[in-house]
Structures are given as C-alpha cells and as structure tokens.
Amino acid sequence: MTKKQEKVPQRNTTHILSYLMKIDQSIKNGEYPNVKKLNEKNGWDFSRSTIGRYIEILKNDYDAPIEYDFQKNGYYYTDPTFYLQRVMLNEGELLTLSTILPLLEQYKNTPLEESYRKLMSKLIEMLPDSITVDSALINNEVHFISDPITTLQDGVFENVLKATKLHQTLNMEYKTARDSDYQNRLFDPYHIICQKGSWYLLGFSHHSNAIRLYAMPRMRNCVITEKKFSIPKDFKLEDHIDIQMGAWGNSGEQFNIEIEFVKGLKTYVMERTWHKDQIIRENPDGTVYLSFKTNQLVQTASWILSFAGGAKALNPPELREQIKKAAERILSA
C-alpha cells in the first residue's frame, strides 16, 4: 500500500482509542514497540508519521510518560504505574449517551454548552472500534422542546460561576424588570439556578441589604472583586426557592396549595409527579385533587393559569386572589 493509499483514521473517529490502546498495551508489556513491530503485530500498514501522531496524542491528550529507548529501539514508559483509561459502554448506556446531547439546549449561551459538547465528543471518541455512534440517532431521533433561551453578556456566566465557587463579591451593572437604566450593584453570589431556560443568581444584595434573586441576562460588566464573603450559617436554599415550582415571587412562607382539575385532564394529571410532596387522588365525580406545599405563589398561579380553565385553585386564599387579579388583567387588556 502506498503512502497515498494508507488508511489513516481521522482523529475524531470512534476508532482512535483502539489504536492507542494497542500501542499502550505493547509499551506496558515491555515490548519496546516501534513502527515495524506495531505494524507486524496488529496487521497495520501505518507510516512512521502516523504512528508518531498517535504517540503525540498519548503524550499530549493523555499525559502518557513516553520516551524512546535508542538502544532497545522502541518506546517505553518512564513511569511504569501509568495506565490508559478505557471506556466500555453497554447498549443501554450507549442509548443513554445518545439522548444526552439534545439536553444541551438548556445550556445555550453559557460556557457550559461548549464544555459539555467537548466532553460528550471525547466520550464518543473514546469508544472502542466495536461500537459506533449513529449521528442520526444523536441528532434526529430524540428531541426536547425547551423554553426560550435567554442571552447572557460575554463573561457574565464565567465570572458568576467562579465567584460563587470562590465566595467572592461581584461588582456589576444590573437592570431590574421595571427599570430602563442599569445601576451599579455589589452582590455576594450564593447559588446559581436555571429555571425554564433562564439563569438566575441567588445571593446577598449589598444595595438592598437582603437576599435577592438576580436574572443573569440583566447583568453586564460583571467583575469579580477581591472581597471575600461567607454564606450565613442559617441560610437555607429551600427558604428561597422550590425546586419543583420555581424561584420567583417567594416570600419564604410555605403555603398549602390545593387544586382541582377537570375530569378531562384526569389521565394527564395523574400520570405525572408535579411535586415531590404531592397528594393526588381522583374524586368520585372524575375530577382530580392535588395538593402540595410551596413558597412559590407566583409560579404556582402562573402554572394553574396555563391550564386555561382546566384547573381551579381551592386554597390558599392568597393564591385564589393572585389568579383572580391575573384573569382580570387579561380580560381588561
């Protein structure tokens, strides 16, 4: 086979790791492999430059301690304890892997999107040559309908994530939903939240002297300061958000929510878990009763309204009042 005809796998194929594994095994076996030995042992017809590229991948991508022994005319590991990690997936795990990529939609406009894509690509690349990943399965067979994605200014997400991990105060310009102009704010970030396609930051606002929830799309010129902060020992995330219902409009007070769904929604409602602490049952007339506790009245009211009359708030009175006012605003629009 001529050099032009030589079968050189592209770096991003699923076969790459199988070649690296065989080279690794020969080195670990003390065979001091070289181009000729590797070709003869594995039935390859690779050139010196191709094997050289694989050696460089082992060195650069896997930190393999490879050196060449000119007396023994072959490669060896300077650290005999080094091993090349391998990835073996069964069919079920492979199918799970193939459905993860569409979930990256929720990480659009954040650095996590590219990081996760690189991670998934690397996992796929590391599969042995006995397993191939059908790109049609990954891209076309499974779809997730996500909420509209908000846009973040460059640098905001990175600095928020770093400051949250390091417990350092942020200096930023922030605009509330009601304001037309940005104002300077100092903010101690406690917790990052992704709700329905949008990113939020919960923490201590120096401006308000209280814990507040900031929408990350409304931040700009976000800078990490040198000032360190400590999260209060009595801080509890559940006092400010409800993972099932949301993060906006909470008062900290827990309300016992009671809802009745029309008979036509019975199957739809009863086949789902709406809240981890829910009580759900079918009434004698075919309607469905649902109750749970939450501090998210605003989000719960919005959720009930989304059923377009198919759900009726029974309690608490505060929830009924919110829905009534919202309905009046809709009719007066």
C-alpha atoms as a PDB file:
ATOM      1  CA  MET A   1       0.000   0.000   0.000  1.00  0.00           C
ATOM      2  CA  THR A   2       1.460   3.370  -0.986  1.00  0.00           C
ATOM      3  CA  LYS A   3       1.638   6.333   1.322  1.00  0.00           C
ATOM      4  CA  LYS A   4      -1.188   7.928  -0.606  1.00  0.00           C
ATOM      5  CA  GLN A   5      -3.358   4.841  -0.141  1.00  0.00           C
ATOM      6  CA  GLU A   6      -2.556   4.397   3.528  1.00  0.00           C
ATOM      7  CA  LYS A   7      -5.643   4.147   5.727  1.00  0.00           C
ATOM      8  CA  VAL A   8      -5.159   6.844   8.310  1.00  0.00           C
ATOM      9  CA  PRO A   9      -8.166   7.217  10.626  1.00  0.00           C
ATOM     10  CA  GLN A  10      -9.238  10.772  11.289  1.00  0.00           C
ATOM     11  CA  ARG A  11      -8.669  11.967  14.836  1.00  0.00           C
ATOM     12  CA  ASN A  12     -12.353  12.424  15.540  1.00  0.00           C
ATOM     13  CA  THR A  13     -13.463   8.905  14.613  1.00  0.00           C
ATOM     14  CA  THR A  14     -14.601   6.329  17.147  1.00  0.00           C
ATOM     15  CA  HIS A  15     -11.603   4.129  16.242  1.00  0.00           C
ATOM     16  CA  ILE A  16      -8.857   6.327  17.651  1.00  0.00           C
ATOM     17  CA  LEU A  17      -8.806   4.821  21.141  1.00  0.00           C
ATOM     18  CA  SER A  18      -8.480   1.256  19.864  1.00  0.00           C
ATOM     19  CA  TYR A  19      -5.143   2.124  18.201  1.00  0.00           C
ATOM     20  CA  LEU A  20      -3.948   3.988  21.268  1.00  0.00           C
ATOM     21  CA  MET A  21      -4.906   1.038  23.469  1.00  0.00           C
ATOM     22  CA  LYS A  22      -2.866  -1.380  21.392  1.00  0.00           C
ATOM     23  CA  ILE A  23       0.166   0.893  21.466  1.00  0.00           C
ATOM     24  CA  ASP A  24      -0.296   1.360  25.208  1.00  0.00           C
ATOM     25  CA  GLN A  25      -0.557  -2.396  25.790  1.00  0.00           C
ATOM     26  CA  SER A  26       2.622  -3.095  23.835  1.00  0.00           C
ATOM     27  CA  ILE A  27       4.512  -0.488  25.852  1.00  0.00           C
ATOM     28  CA  LYS A  28       3.169  -1.823  29.167  1.00  0.00           C
ATOM     29  CA  ASN A  29       4.139  -5.368  28.139  1.00  0.00           C
ATOM     30  CA  GLY A  30       7.733  -4.217  27.860  1.00  0.00           C
ATOM     31  CA  GLU A  31       7.873  -4.937  24.123  1.00  0.00           C
ATOM     32  CA  TYR A  32       9.555  -1.597  23.338  1.00  0.00           C
ATOM     33  CA  PRO A  33       7.355  -1.202  20.243  1.00  0.00           C
ATOM     34  CA  ASN A  34       8.375   0.772  17.189  1.00  0.00           C
ATOM     35  CA  VAL A  35       6.671   1.347  13.845  1.00  0.00           C
ATOM     36  CA  LYS A  36       7.734  -2.011  12.394  1.00  0.00           C
ATOM     37  CA  LYS A  37       6.774  -4.031  15.476  1.00  0.00           C
ATOM     38  CA  LEU A  38       3.375  -2.366  15.794  1.00  0.00           C
ATOM     39  CA  ASN A  39       2.527  -2.900  12.130  1.00  0.00           C
ATOM     40  CA  GLU A  40       3.565  -6.550  12.206  1.00  0.00           C
ATOM     41  CA  LYS A  41       1.797  -7.354  15.460  1.00  0.00           C
ATOM     42  CA  ASN A  42      -1.500  -5.630  14.650  1.00  0.00           C
ATOM     43  CA  GLY A  43      -1.672  -6.056  10.879  1.00  0.00           C
ATOM     44  CA  TRP A  44      -1.379  -2.336  10.287  1.00  0.00           C
ATOM     45  CA  ASP A  45       0.322  -0.575   7.413  1.00  0.00           C
ATOM     46  CA  PHE A  46       0.870   2.787   9.065  1.00  0.00           C
ATOM     47  CA  SER A  47       3.729   5.108   8.224  1.00  0.00           C
ATOM     48  CA  ARG A  48       6.259   6.448  10.720  1.00  0.00           C
ATOM     49  CA  SER A  49       4.463   9.799  10.761  1.00  0.00           C
ATOM     50  CA  THR A  50       1.099   8.166  11.551  1.00  0.00           C
ATOM     51  CA  ILE A  51       2.485   6.208  14.498  1.00  0.00           C
ATOM     52  CA  GLY A  52       4.261   9.379  15.534  1.00  0.00           C
ATOM     53  CA  ARG A  53       0.946  11.220  15.630  1.00  0.00           C
ATOM     54  CA  TYR A  54      -0.538   8.524  17.867  1.00  0.00           C
ATOM     55  CA  ILE A  55       2.439   8.798  20.203  1.00  0.00           C
ATOM     56  CA  GLU A  56       1.944  12.569  20.359  1.00  0.00           C
ATOM     57  CA  ILE A  57      -1.764  12.098  21.149  1.00  0.00           C
ATOM     58  CA  LEU A  58      -0.824   9.781  24.008  1.00  0.00           C
ATOM     59  CA  LYS A  59       1.651  12.357  25.287  1.00  0.00           C
ATOM     60  CA  ASN A  60      -0.431  15.496  24.848  1.00  0.00           C
ATOM     61  CA  ASP A  61      -4.004  14.301  25.411  1.00  0.00           C
ATOM     62  CA  TYR A  62      -3.418  11.537  27.952  1.00  0.00           C
ATOM     63  CA  ASP A  63      -0.203  12.751  29.624  1.00  0.00           C
ATOM     64  CA  ALA A  64       1.481   9.439  28.871  1.00  0.00           C
ATOM     65  CA  PRO A  65       5.149   9.466  30.063  1.00  0.00           C
ATOM     66  CA  ILE A  66       6.515   8.077  26.781  1.00  0.00           C
ATOM     67  CA  GLU A  67      10.194   8.125  25.798  1.00  0.00           C
ATOM     68  CA  TYR A  68      12.164   6.360  23.086  1.00  0.00           C
ATOM     69  CA  ASP A  69      14.972   3.976  24.038  1.00  0.00           C
ATOM     70  CA  PHE A  70      17.518   4.119  21.204  1.00  0.00           C
ATOM     71  CA  GLN A  71      19.421   1.097  22.495  1.00  0.00           C
ATOM     72  CA  LYS A  72      16.304  -1.098  22.541  1.00  0.00           C
ATOM     73  CA  ASN A  73      14.864   0.707  19.520  1.00  0.00           C
ATOM     74  CA  GLY A  74      11.383   1.226  20.932  1.00  0.00           C
ATOM     75  CA  TYR A  75       9.051   3.207  23.162  1.00  0.00           C
ATOM     76  CA  TYR A  76       8.681   2.783  26.922  1.00  0.00           C
ATOM     77  CA  TYR A  77       7.006   4.461  29.901  1.00  0.00           C
ATOM     78  CA  THR A  78       9.250   6.347  32.303  1.00  0.00           C
ATOM     79  CA  ASP A  79       6.527   5.766  34.915  1.00  0.00           C
ATOM     80  CA  PRO A  80       5.588   2.063  34.944  1.00  0.00           C
ATOM     81  CA  THR A  81       2.448   2.789  37.003  1.00  0.00           C
ATOM     82  CA  PHE A  82       0.842   4.801  34.174  1.00  0.00           C
ATOM     83  CA  TYR A  83      -2.271   3.307  32.599  1.00  0.00           C
ATOM     84  CA  LEU A  84      -4.576   4.441  29.809  1.00  0.00           C
ATOM     85  CA  GLN A  85      -8.174   4.730  30.954  1.00  0.00           C
ATOM     86  CA  ARG A  86     -10.645   2.922  28.750  1.00  0.00           C
ATOM     87  CA  VAL A  87     -14.333   3.468  28.199  1.00  0.00           C
ATOM     88  CA  MET A  88     -16.614   0.483  27.635  1.00  0.00           C
ATOM     89  CA  LEU A  89     -20.337   1.064  27.270  1.00  0.00           C
ATOM     90  CA  ASN A  90     -23.139  -1.458  27.019  1.00  0.00           C
ATOM     91  CA  GLU A  91     -26.058  -0.961  24.679  1.00  0.00           C
ATOM     92  CA  GLY A  92     -28.260   0.699  27.275  1.00  0.00           C
ATOM     93  CA  GLU A  93     -25.539   3.120  28.303  1.00  0.00           C
ATOM     94  CA  LEU A  94     -24.853   3.964  24.676  1.00  0.00           C
ATOM     95  CA  LEU A  95     -28.505   4.785  24.102  1.00  0.00           C
ATOM     96  CA  THR A  96     -28.447   6.976  27.191  1.00  0.00           C
ATOM     97  CA  LEU A  97     -25.370   8.740  25.850  1.00  0.00           C
ATOM     98  CA  SER A  98     -27.087   9.348  22.525  1.00  0.00           C
ATOM     99  CA  THR A  99     -30.001  11.145  24.217  1.00  0.00           C
ATOM    100  CA  ILE A 100     -27.881  13.499  26.316  1.00  0.00           C
ATOM    101  CA  LEU A 101     -26.705  15.827  23.561  1.00  0.00           C
ATOM    102  CA  PRO A 102     -30.156  17.357  22.881  1.00  0.00           C
ATOM    103  CA  LEU A 103     -30.344  18.298  26.566  1.00  0.00           C
ATOM    104  CA  LEU A 104     -27.508  20.740  25.954  1.00  0.00           C
ATOM    105  CA  GLU A 105     -30.108  23.147  24.563  1.00  0.00           C
ATOM    106  CA  GLN A 106     -30.691  24.438  28.087  1.00  0.00           C
ATOM    107  CA  TYR A 107     -27.029  25.420  28.332  1.00  0.00           C
ATOM    108  CA  LYS A 108     -27.023  27.612  25.244  1.00  0.00           C
ATOM    109  CA  ASN A 109     -25.326  30.983  25.637  1.00  0.00           C
ATOM    110  CA  THR A 110     -23.205  29.711  28.528  1.00  0.00           C
ATOM    111  CA  PRO A 111     -19.647  28.348  28.503  1.00  0.00           C
ATOM    112  CA  LEU A 112     -21.066  25.054  29.778  1.00  0.00           C
ATOM    113  CA  GLU A 113     -22.544  24.394  26.342  1.00  0.00           C
ATOM    114  CA  GLU A 114     -19.159  24.119  24.644  1.00  0.00           C
ATOM    115  CA  SER A 115     -17.583  22.316  27.595  1.00  0.00           C
ATOM    116  CA  TYR A 116     -20.315  19.667  27.656  1.00  0.00           C
ATOM    117  CA  ARG A 117     -20.178  19.207  23.900  1.00  0.00           C
ATOM    118  CA  LYS A 118     -16.434  18.651  24.086  1.00  0.00           C
ATOM    119  CA  LEU A 119     -16.922  16.179  26.924  1.00  0.00           C
ATOM    120  CA  MET A 120     -19.557  14.224  25.012  1.00  0.00           C
ATOM    121  CA  SER A 121     -17.452  14.238  21.848  1.00  0.00           C
ATOM    122  CA  LYS A 122     -14.495  12.937  23.816  1.00  0.00           C
ATOM    123  CA  LEU A 123     -16.579  10.130  25.315  1.00  0.00           C
ATOM    124  CA  ILE A 124     -17.794   9.135  21.867  1.00  0.00           C
ATOM    125  CA  GLU A 125     -14.239   9.332  20.501  1.00  0.00           C
ATOM    126  CA  MET A 126     -13.011   7.005  23.240  1.00  0.00           C
ATOM    127  CA  LEU A 127     -15.428   4.225  22.356  1.00  0.00           C
ATOM    128  CA  PRO A 128     -13.699   1.095  21.003  1.00  0.00           C
ATOM    129  CA  ASP A 129     -13.974   0.325  17.305  1.00  0.00           C
ATOM    130  CA  SER A 130     -16.584  -2.364  18.025  1.00  0.00           C
ATOM    131  CA  ILE A 131     -19.059   0.386  18.869  1.00  0.00           C
ATOM    132  CA  THR A 132     -20.089   3.192  16.570  1.00  0.00           C
ATOM    133  CA  VAL A 133     -22.424   6.051  17.360  1.00  0.00           C
ATOM    134  CA  ASP A 134     -25.024   6.807  14.727  1.00  0.00           C
ATOM    135  CA  SER A 135     -25.099  10.575  14.309  1.00  0.00           C
ATOM    136  CA  ALA A 136     -28.689  10.294  13.087  1.00  0.00           C
ATOM    137  CA  LEU A 137     -29.647   8.757  16.430  1.00  0.00           C
ATOM    138  CA  ILE A 138     -27.959  11.580  18.324  1.00  0.00           C
ATOM    139  CA  ASN A 139     -29.256  14.446  16.226  1.00  0.00           C
ATOM    140  CA  ASN A 140     -32.594  13.410  14.778  1.00  0.00           C
ATOM    141  CA  GLU A 141     -34.362  10.673  16.706  1.00  0.00           C
ATOM    142  CA  VAL A 142     -34.726  12.363  20.092  1.00  0.00           C
ATOM    143  CA  HIS A 143     -35.935  15.932  20.507  1.00  0.00           C
ATOM    144  CA  PHE A 144     -36.540  18.061  23.581  1.00  0.00           C
ATOM    145  CA  ILE A 145     -38.838  21.072  23.346  1.00  0.00           C
ATOM    146  CA  SER A 146     -37.236  23.624  25.615  1.00  0.00           C
ATOM    147  CA  ASP A 147     -38.308  27.031  26.832  1.00  0.00           C
ATOM    148  CA  PRO A 148     -36.978  30.112  25.031  1.00  0.00           C
ATOM    149  CA  ILE A 149     -33.317  30.628  25.871  1.00  0.00           C
ATOM    150  CA  THR A 150     -32.149  33.968  27.259  1.00  0.00           C
ATOM    151  CA  THR A 151     -28.914  35.607  26.135  1.00  0.00           C
ATOM    152  CA  LEU A 152     -26.083  36.420  28.540  1.00  0.00           C
ATOM    153  CA  GLN A 153     -23.403  39.036  28.006  1.00  0.00           C
ATOM    154  CA  ASP A 154     -19.960  37.595  27.363  1.00  0.00           C
ATOM    155  CA  GLY A 155     -18.094  36.959  30.581  1.00  0.00           C
ATOM    156  CA  VAL A 156     -21.106  37.075  32.892  1.00  0.00           C
ATOM    157  CA  PHE A 157     -21.589  33.338  33.331  1.00  0.00           C
ATOM    158  CA  GLU A 158     -17.872  32.616  33.777  1.00  0.00           C
ATOM    159  CA  ASN A 159     -17.438  35.273  36.452  1.00  0.00           C
ATOM    160  CA  VAL A 160     -20.663  34.363  38.255  1.00  0.00           C
ATOM    161  CA  LEU A 161     -19.673  30.692  38.371  1.00  0.00           C
ATOM    162  CA  LYS A 162     -16.147  31.463  39.561  1.00  0.00           C
ATOM    163  CA  ALA A 163     -17.263  33.990  42.189  1.00  0.00           C
ATOM    164  CA  THR A 164     -19.890  31.569  43.508  1.00  0.00           C
ATOM    165  CA  LYS A 165     -17.302  28.820  43.953  1.00  0.00           C
ATOM    166  CA  LEU A 166     -14.667  31.118  45.483  1.00  0.00           C
ATOM    167  CA  HIS A 167     -17.132  33.108  47.654  1.00  0.00           C
ATOM    168  CA  GLN A 168     -16.041  36.456  46.236  1.00  0.00           C
ATOM    169  CA  THR A 169     -18.236  39.533  45.844  1.00  0.00           C
ATOM    170  CA  LEU A 170     -19.311  40.591  42.354  1.00  0.00           C
ATOM    171  CA  ASN A 171     -19.364  44.173  41.077  1.00  0.00           C
ATOM    172  CA  MET A 172     -21.816  44.568  38.206  1.00  0.00           C
ATOM    173  CA  GLU A 173     -24.312  46.739  36.437  1.00  0.00           C
ATOM    174  CA  TYR A 174     -27.866  45.453  36.856  1.00  0.00           C
ATOM    175  CA  LYS A 175     -31.249  46.415  35.472  1.00  0.00           C
ATOM    176  CA  THR A 176     -34.488  45.252  37.096  1.00  0.00           C
ATOM    177  CA  ALA A 177     -37.546  44.343  35.040  1.00  0.00           C
ATOM    178  CA  ARG A 178     -39.108  47.718  35.886  1.00  0.00           C
ATOM    179  CA  ASP A 179     -36.029  49.913  35.336  1.00  0.00           C
ATOM    180  CA  SER A 180     -34.902  51.275  31.991  1.00  0.00           C
ATOM    181  CA  ASP A 181     -31.341  52.061  33.116  1.00  0.00           C
ATOM    182  CA  TYR A 182     -28.580  49.918  34.614  1.00  0.00           C
ATOM    183  CA  GLN A 183     -27.339  50.634  38.132  1.00  0.00           C
ATOM    184  CA  ASN A 184     -24.139  49.559  39.845  1.00  0.00           C
ATOM    185  CA  ARG A 185     -24.538  46.698  42.309  1.00  0.00           C
ATOM    186  CA  LEU A 186     -22.378  44.703  44.709  1.00  0.00           C
ATOM    187  CA  PHE A 187     -23.598  41.141  45.108  1.00  0.00           C
ATOM    188  CA  ASP A 188     -22.493  38.075  47.081  1.00  0.00           C
ATOM    189  CA  PRO A 189     -23.451  35.030  44.960  1.00  0.00           C
ATOM    190  CA  TYR A 190     -24.746  32.035  46.943  1.00  0.00           C
ATOM    191  CA  HIS A 191     -26.427  29.792  44.388  1.00  0.00           C
ATOM    192  CA  ILE A 192     -26.943  29.570  40.597  1.00  0.00           C
ATOM    193  CA  ILE A 193     -30.360  28.491  39.320  1.00  0.00           C
ATOM    194  CA  CYS A 194     -31.575  27.547  35.846  1.00  0.00           C
ATOM    195  CA  GLN A 195     -35.348  27.898  35.557  1.00  0.00           C
ATOM    196  CA  LYS A 196     -37.207  27.265  32.303  1.00  0.00           C
ATOM    197  CA  GLY A 197     -34.312  28.201  30.068  1.00  0.00           C
ATOM    198  CA  SER A 198     -33.178  31.242  32.025  1.00  0.00           C
ATOM    199  CA  TRP A 199     -30.305  31.615  34.510  1.00  0.00           C
ATOM    200  CA  TYR A 200     -30.622  33.302  37.892  1.00  0.00           C
ATOM    201  CA  LEU A 201     -28.314  34.123  40.771  1.00  0.00           C
ATOM    202  CA  LEU A 202     -29.446  33.963  44.375  1.00  0.00           C
ATOM    203  CA  GLY A 203     -27.409  35.806  46.954  1.00  0.00           C
ATOM    204  CA  PHE A 204     -26.949  38.852  49.164  1.00  0.00           C
ATOM    205  CA  SER A 205     -27.562  42.244  47.567  1.00  0.00           C
ATOM    206  CA  HIS A 206     -25.497  44.988  49.218  1.00  0.00           C
ATOM    207  CA  HIS A 207     -27.872  47.540  47.678  1.00  0.00           C
ATOM    208  CA  SER A 208     -30.988  46.021  49.267  1.00  0.00           C
ATOM    209  CA  ASN A 209     -29.171  44.640  52.316  1.00  0.00           C
ATOM    210  CA  ALA A 210     -31.132  41.432  51.814  1.00  0.00           C
ATOM    211  CA  ILE A 211     -31.110  38.166  49.888  1.00  0.00           C
ATOM    212  CA  ARG A 212     -32.294  38.724  46.334  1.00  0.00           C
ATOM    213  CA  LEU A 213     -32.665  36.800  43.081  1.00  0.00           C
ATOM    214  CA  TYR A 214     -30.955  38.419  40.097  1.00  0.00           C
ATOM    215  CA  ALA A 215     -31.680  37.486  36.482  1.00  0.00           C
ATOM    216  CA  MET A 216     -28.339  36.876  34.793  1.00  0.00           C
ATOM    217  CA  PRO A 217     -29.460  38.216  31.370  1.00  0.00           C
ATOM    218  CA  ARG A 218     -29.911  41.621  33.064  1.00  0.00           C
ATOM    219  CA  MET A 219     -26.304  41.709  34.248  1.00  0.00           C
ATOM    220  CA  ARG A 220     -23.486  43.392  32.403  1.00  0.00           C
ATOM    221  CA  ASN A 221     -19.883  44.386  33.088  1.00  0.00           C
ATOM    222  CA  CYS A 222     -19.742  41.724  35.786  1.00  0.00           C
ATOM    223  CA  VAL A 223     -16.383  41.738  37.605  1.00  0.00           C
ATOM    224  CA  ILE A 224     -15.059  39.605  40.459  1.00  0.00           C
ATOM    225  CA  THR A 225     -13.745  41.722  43.323  1.00  0.00           C
ATOM    226  CA  GLU A 226     -11.081  40.771  45.872  1.00  0.00           C
ATOM    227  CA  LYS A 227     -13.631  40.921  48.687  1.00  0.00           C
ATOM    228  CA  LYS A 228     -14.455  37.552  50.273  1.00  0.00           C
ATOM    229  CA  PHE A 229     -17.802  36.684  51.860  1.00  0.00           C
ATOM    230  CA  SER A 230     -19.248  33.857  53.947  1.00  0.00           C
ATOM    231  CA  ILE A 231     -22.693  32.378  53.500  1.00  0.00           C
ATOM    232  CA  PRO A 232     -24.661  32.744  56.770  1.00  0.00           C
ATOM    233  CA  LYS A 233     -24.972  29.515  58.715  1.00  0.00           C
ATOM    234  CA  ASP A 234     -28.750  29.886  58.879  1.00  0.00           C
ATOM    235  CA  PHE A 235     -29.092  30.234  55.087  1.00  0.00           C
ATOM    236  CA  LYS A 236     -31.307  27.524  53.595  1.00  0.00           C
ATOM    237  CA  LEU A 237     -31.883  27.286  49.867  1.00  0.00           C
ATOM    238  CA  GLU A 238     -35.348  25.825  50.357  1.00  0.00           C
ATOM    239  CA  ASP A 239     -36.419  29.016  52.150  1.00  0.00           C
ATOM    240  CA  HIS A 240     -35.997  30.915  48.905  1.00  0.00           C
ATOM    241  CA  ILE A 241     -36.758  28.534  46.053  1.00  0.00           C
ATOM    242  CA  ASP A 242     -38.824  25.405  45.439  1.00  0.00           C
ATOM    243  CA  ILE A 243     -37.073  23.071  43.013  1.00  0.00           C
ATOM    244  CA  GLN A 244     -40.424  21.764  41.732  1.00  0.00           C
ATOM    245  CA  MET A 245     -42.212  25.085  41.252  1.00  0.00           C
ATOM    246  CA  GLY A 246     -39.582  27.777  40.769  1.00  0.00           C
ATOM    247  CA  ALA A 247     -37.658  30.638  42.259  1.00  0.00           C
ATOM    248  CA  TRP A 248     -39.612  33.836  41.628  1.00  0.00           C
ATOM    249  CA  GLY A 249     -42.088  35.632  43.840  1.00  0.00           C
ATOM    250  CA  ASN A 250     -41.455  33.738  47.025  1.00  0.00           C
ATOM    251  CA  SER A 251     -42.000  35.156  50.477  1.00  0.00           C
ATOM    252  CA  GLY A 252     -40.297  32.366  52.365  1.00  0.00           C
ATOM    253  CA  GLU A 253     -43.651  31.345  53.823  1.00  0.00           C
ATOM    254  CA  GLN A 254     -44.884  27.847  52.989  1.00  0.00           C
ATOM    255  CA  PHE A 255     -48.440  27.638  51.641  1.00  0.00           C
ATOM    256  CA  ASN A 256     -50.610  24.525  51.453  1.00  0.00           C
ATOM    257  CA  ILE A 257     -51.726  24.500  47.812  1.00  0.00           C
ATOM    258  CA  GLU A 258     -54.972  22.744  46.876  1.00  0.00           C
ATOM    259  CA  ILE A 259     -56.063  22.423  43.244  1.00  0.00           C
ATOM    260  CA  GLU A 260     -58.906  20.688  41.461  1.00  0.00           C
ATOM    261  CA  PHE A 261     -58.526  19.581  37.817  1.00  0.00           C
ATOM    262  CA  VAL A 262     -61.417  18.945  35.455  1.00  0.00           C
ATOM    263  CA  LYS A 263     -62.367  15.372  34.550  1.00  0.00           C
ATOM    264  CA  GLY A 264     -60.923  15.714  31.044  1.00  0.00           C
ATOM    265  CA  LEU A 265     -57.422  16.203  32.461  1.00  0.00           C
ATOM    266  CA  LYS A 266     -57.577  13.194  34.792  1.00  0.00           C
ATOM    267  CA  THR A 267     -55.147  10.940  32.905  1.00  0.00           C
ATOM    268  CA  TYR A 268     -52.759  13.782  32.088  1.00  0.00           C
ATOM    269  CA  VAL A 269     -52.582  14.989  35.677  1.00  0.00           C
ATOM    270  CA  MET A 270     -52.469  11.635  37.461  1.00  0.00           C
ATOM    271  CA  GLU A 271     -49.684  10.153  35.322  1.00  0.00           C
ATOM    272  CA  ARG A 272     -47.253  12.868  36.430  1.00  0.00           C
ATOM    273  CA  THR A 273     -45.405  13.857  39.574  1.00  0.00           C
ATOM    274  CA  TRP A 274     -45.899  17.598  39.929  1.00  0.00           C
ATOM    275  CA  HIS A 275     -44.235  17.981  43.312  1.00  0.00           C
ATOM    276  CA  LYS A 276     -42.148  15.637  45.463  1.00  0.00           C
ATOM    277  CA  ASP A 277     -44.517  16.085  48.427  1.00  0.00           C
ATOM    278  CA  GLN A 278     -47.763  15.966  46.474  1.00  0.00           C
ATOM    279  CA  ILE A 279     -51.024  14.315  47.499  1.00  0.00           C
ATOM    280  CA  ILE A 280     -53.064  13.344  44.459  1.00  0.00           C
ATOM    281  CA  ARG A 281     -56.329  11.443  44.130  1.00  0.00           C
ATOM    282  CA  GLU A 282     -59.321  11.022  41.869  1.00  0.00           C
ATOM    283  CA  ASN A 283     -62.605  12.399  43.188  1.00  0.00           C
ATOM    284  CA  PRO A 284     -65.872  10.431  42.868  1.00  0.00           C
ATOM    285  CA  ASP A 285     -67.009  12.717  40.023  1.00  0.00           C
ATOM    286  CA  GLY A 286     -63.821  12.102  37.993  1.00  0.00           C
ATOM    287  CA  THR A 287     -62.085  15.357  38.833  1.00  0.00           C
ATOM    288  CA  VAL A 288     -58.608  15.228  40.355  1.00  0.00           C
ATOM    289  CA  TYR A 289     -57.454  16.708  43.650  1.00  0.00           C
ATOM    290  CA  LEU A 290     -53.813  17.784  44.014  1.00  0.00           C
ATOM    291  CA  SER A 291     -52.108  19.354  46.998  1.00  0.00           C
ATOM    292  CA  PHE A 292     -48.542  20.217  47.977  1.00  0.00           C
ATOM    293  CA  LYS A 293     -46.641  22.803  49.981  1.00  0.00           C
ATOM    294  CA  THR A 294     -44.571  25.552  48.380  1.00  0.00           C
ATOM    295  CA  ASN A 295     -43.419  29.121  48.910  1.00  0.00           C
ATOM    296  CA  GLN A 296     -43.890  29.908  45.203  1.00  0.00           C
ATOM    297  CA  LEU A 297     -47.324  31.512  44.899  1.00  0.00           C
ATOM    298  CA  VAL A 298     -46.462  33.498  41.779  1.00  0.00           C
ATOM    299  CA  GLN A 299     -45.108  30.467  39.918  1.00  0.00           C
ATOM    300  CA  THR A 300     -47.993  28.288  41.097  1.00  0.00           C
ATOM    301  CA  ALA A 301     -50.560  30.853  39.935  1.00  0.00           C
ATOM    302  CA  SER A 302     -48.874  31.052  36.542  1.00  0.00           C
ATOM    303  CA  TRP A 303     -48.855  27.259  36.293  1.00  0.00           C
ATOM    304  CA  ILE A 304     -52.563  26.986  37.136  1.00  0.00           C
ATOM    305  CA  LEU A 305     -53.427  29.657  34.552  1.00  0.00           C
ATOM    306  CA  SER A 306     -51.554  27.651  31.909  1.00  0.00           C
ATOM    307  CA  PHE A 307     -54.352  25.041  32.061  1.00  0.00           C
ATOM    308  CA  ALA A 308     -56.740  27.614  30.557  1.00  0.00           C
ATOM    309  CA  GLY A 309     -59.574  26.940  32.986  1.00  0.00           C
ATOM    310  CA  GLY A 310     -58.884  23.252  33.428  1.00  0.00           C
ATOM    311  CA  ALA A 311     -57.517  23.772  36.926  1.00  0.00           C
ATOM    312  CA  LYS A 312     -59.203  25.565  39.847  1.00  0.00           C
ATOM    313  CA  ALA A 313     -57.341  26.871  42.877  1.00  0.00           C
ATOM    314  CA  LEU A 314     -59.145  25.815  46.051  1.00  0.00           C
ATOM    315  CA  ASN A 315     -56.630  27.135  48.598  1.00  0.00           C
ATOM    316  CA  PRO A 316     -54.971  29.232  49.911  1.00  0.00           C
ATOM    317  CA  PRO A 317     -56.989  32.461  49.555  1.00  0.00           C
ATOM    318  CA  GLU A 318     -53.794  34.323  48.610  1.00  0.00           C
ATOM    319  CA  LEU A 319     -53.381  32.063  45.591  1.00  0.00           C
ATOM    320  CA  ARG A 320     -57.005  32.479  44.515  1.00  0.00           C
ATOM    321  CA  GLU A 321     -56.618  36.251  44.756  1.00  0.00           C
ATOM    322  CA  GLN A 322     -53.497  36.242  42.582  1.00  0.00           C
ATOM    323  CA  ILE A 323     -55.227  34.179  39.908  1.00  0.00           C
ATOM    324  CA  LYS A 324     -58.336  36.378  40.053  1.00  0.00           C
ATOM    325  CA  LYS A 325     -56.288  39.549  39.555  1.00  0.00           C
ATOM    326  CA  ALA A 326     -54.320  37.972  36.718  1.00  0.00           C
ATOM    327  CA  ALA A 327     -57.540  36.920  34.989  1.00  0.00           C
ATOM    328  CA  GLU A 328     -58.971  40.424  35.379  1.00  0.00           C
ATOM    329  CA  ARG A 329     -55.864  41.914  33.817  1.00  0.00           C
ATOM    330  CA  ILE A 330     -56.134  39.500  30.905  1.00  0.00           C
ATOM    331  CA  LEU A 331     -59.780  40.389  30.287  1.00  0.00           C
ATOM    332  CA  SER A 332     -59.120  44.140  30.533  1.00  0.00           C
ATOM    333  CA  ALA A 333     -56.195  44.036  28.106  1.00  0.00           C
END
